[in-house]
Protein backbone atom coordinates (compact mmCIF):
# COMPACT_ATOMS: atom_id res chain seq x y z
CA MET A 1 162.15 86.03 -1.74
CA LYS A 2 162.66 82.44 -0.70
CA LYS A 3 165.80 82.20 -2.34
CA HIS A 4 167.17 85.14 -0.36
CA GLN A 5 165.58 83.78 2.88
CA ILE A 6 163.34 86.94 3.61
CA PRO A 7 160.99 86.06 6.51
CA ILE A 8 157.26 85.91 5.65
CA PRO A 9 156.58 89.08 7.71
CA PHE A 10 159.15 91.22 5.85
CA ARG A 11 157.85 89.98 2.40
CA ASP A 12 156.15 93.45 1.81
CA ARG A 13 156.34 96.15 -0.95
CA CYS A 14 159.93 97.21 0.62
CA ALA A 15 161.13 93.69 0.43
CA SER A 16 163.09 94.59 -2.93
CA LEU A 17 165.30 96.90 -0.85
CA LEU A 18 165.83 94.35 1.86
CA ILE A 19 167.60 92.20 -0.24
CA PRO A 20 170.65 94.38 -1.08
CA LEU A 21 170.42 95.81 2.67
CA ASN A 22 170.96 92.17 3.95
CA LYS A 23 173.81 91.40 1.66
CA CYS A 24 175.64 94.66 2.63
CA ARG A 25 175.01 93.61 6.29
CA LYS A 26 176.45 90.29 5.82
CA GLN A 27 179.44 91.88 3.87
CA GLY A 28 180.01 94.54 6.30
CA GLY A 29 179.96 92.33 9.46
CA TYR A 30 176.62 93.73 10.67
CA LEU A 31 178.32 96.89 11.76
CA PRO A 32 175.98 99.75 12.48
CA TRP A 33 177.80 102.55 10.68
CA THR A 34 177.89 100.37 7.34
CA CYS A 35 175.17 100.18 4.78
CA VAL A 36 173.69 103.39 5.74
CA GLU A 37 172.32 104.45 2.36
CA GLU A 38 170.59 101.02 1.86
CA ARG A 39 169.17 101.15 5.33
CA HIS A 40 167.88 104.79 4.88
CA ASP A 41 166.25 103.58 1.50
CA TYR A 42 164.59 100.59 3.07
CA GLU A 43 163.43 102.79 6.09
CA HIS A 44 162.05 105.35 4.00
CA CYS A 45 160.08 102.75 1.96
CA GLN A 46 158.67 101.26 5.18
CA TYR A 47 157.55 105.03 6.17
CA LEU A 48 155.96 105.64 2.92
CA ASP A 49 154.05 102.10 3.06
CA PHE A 50 153.10 102.97 6.58
CA LYS A 51 151.68 106.19 5.30
CA ARG A 52 149.67 104.44 2.58
CA ARG A 53 148.20 101.79 4.84
CA ILE A 54 146.86 104.66 7.35
CA LYS A 55 145.46 106.42 4.45
CA GLU A 56 143.59 103.36 3.20
CA LEU A 57 142.41 102.91 6.57
CA GLU A 58 140.95 106.31 6.99
CA ASP A 59 139.54 106.01 3.43
CA TYR A 60 137.59 102.65 4.48
CA LYS A 61 136.17 104.44 7.54
CA LYS A 62 134.96 107.42 5.74
CA ALA A 63 133.34 104.96 3.02
CA ARG A 64 131.86 102.68 5.77
CA ASP A 65 130.60 105.82 7.73
CA SER A 66 129.11 107.53 4.57
CA ALA A 67 127.19 104.25 3.55
């Protein structure tokens, strides 16, 4: 992660998808219509991670309330 200069806030479960996305962005000149597939994969991973965190929070609240 450090080698690829990934900022600490972006070092999450989807960081492995961010590395090829950033490479593609640099090669494509940061044009918005380039790297569509890589961006979609990264955003989808971010969405699934968000859903996972929400489910963990709900499970935590249920466990806390039942205890």
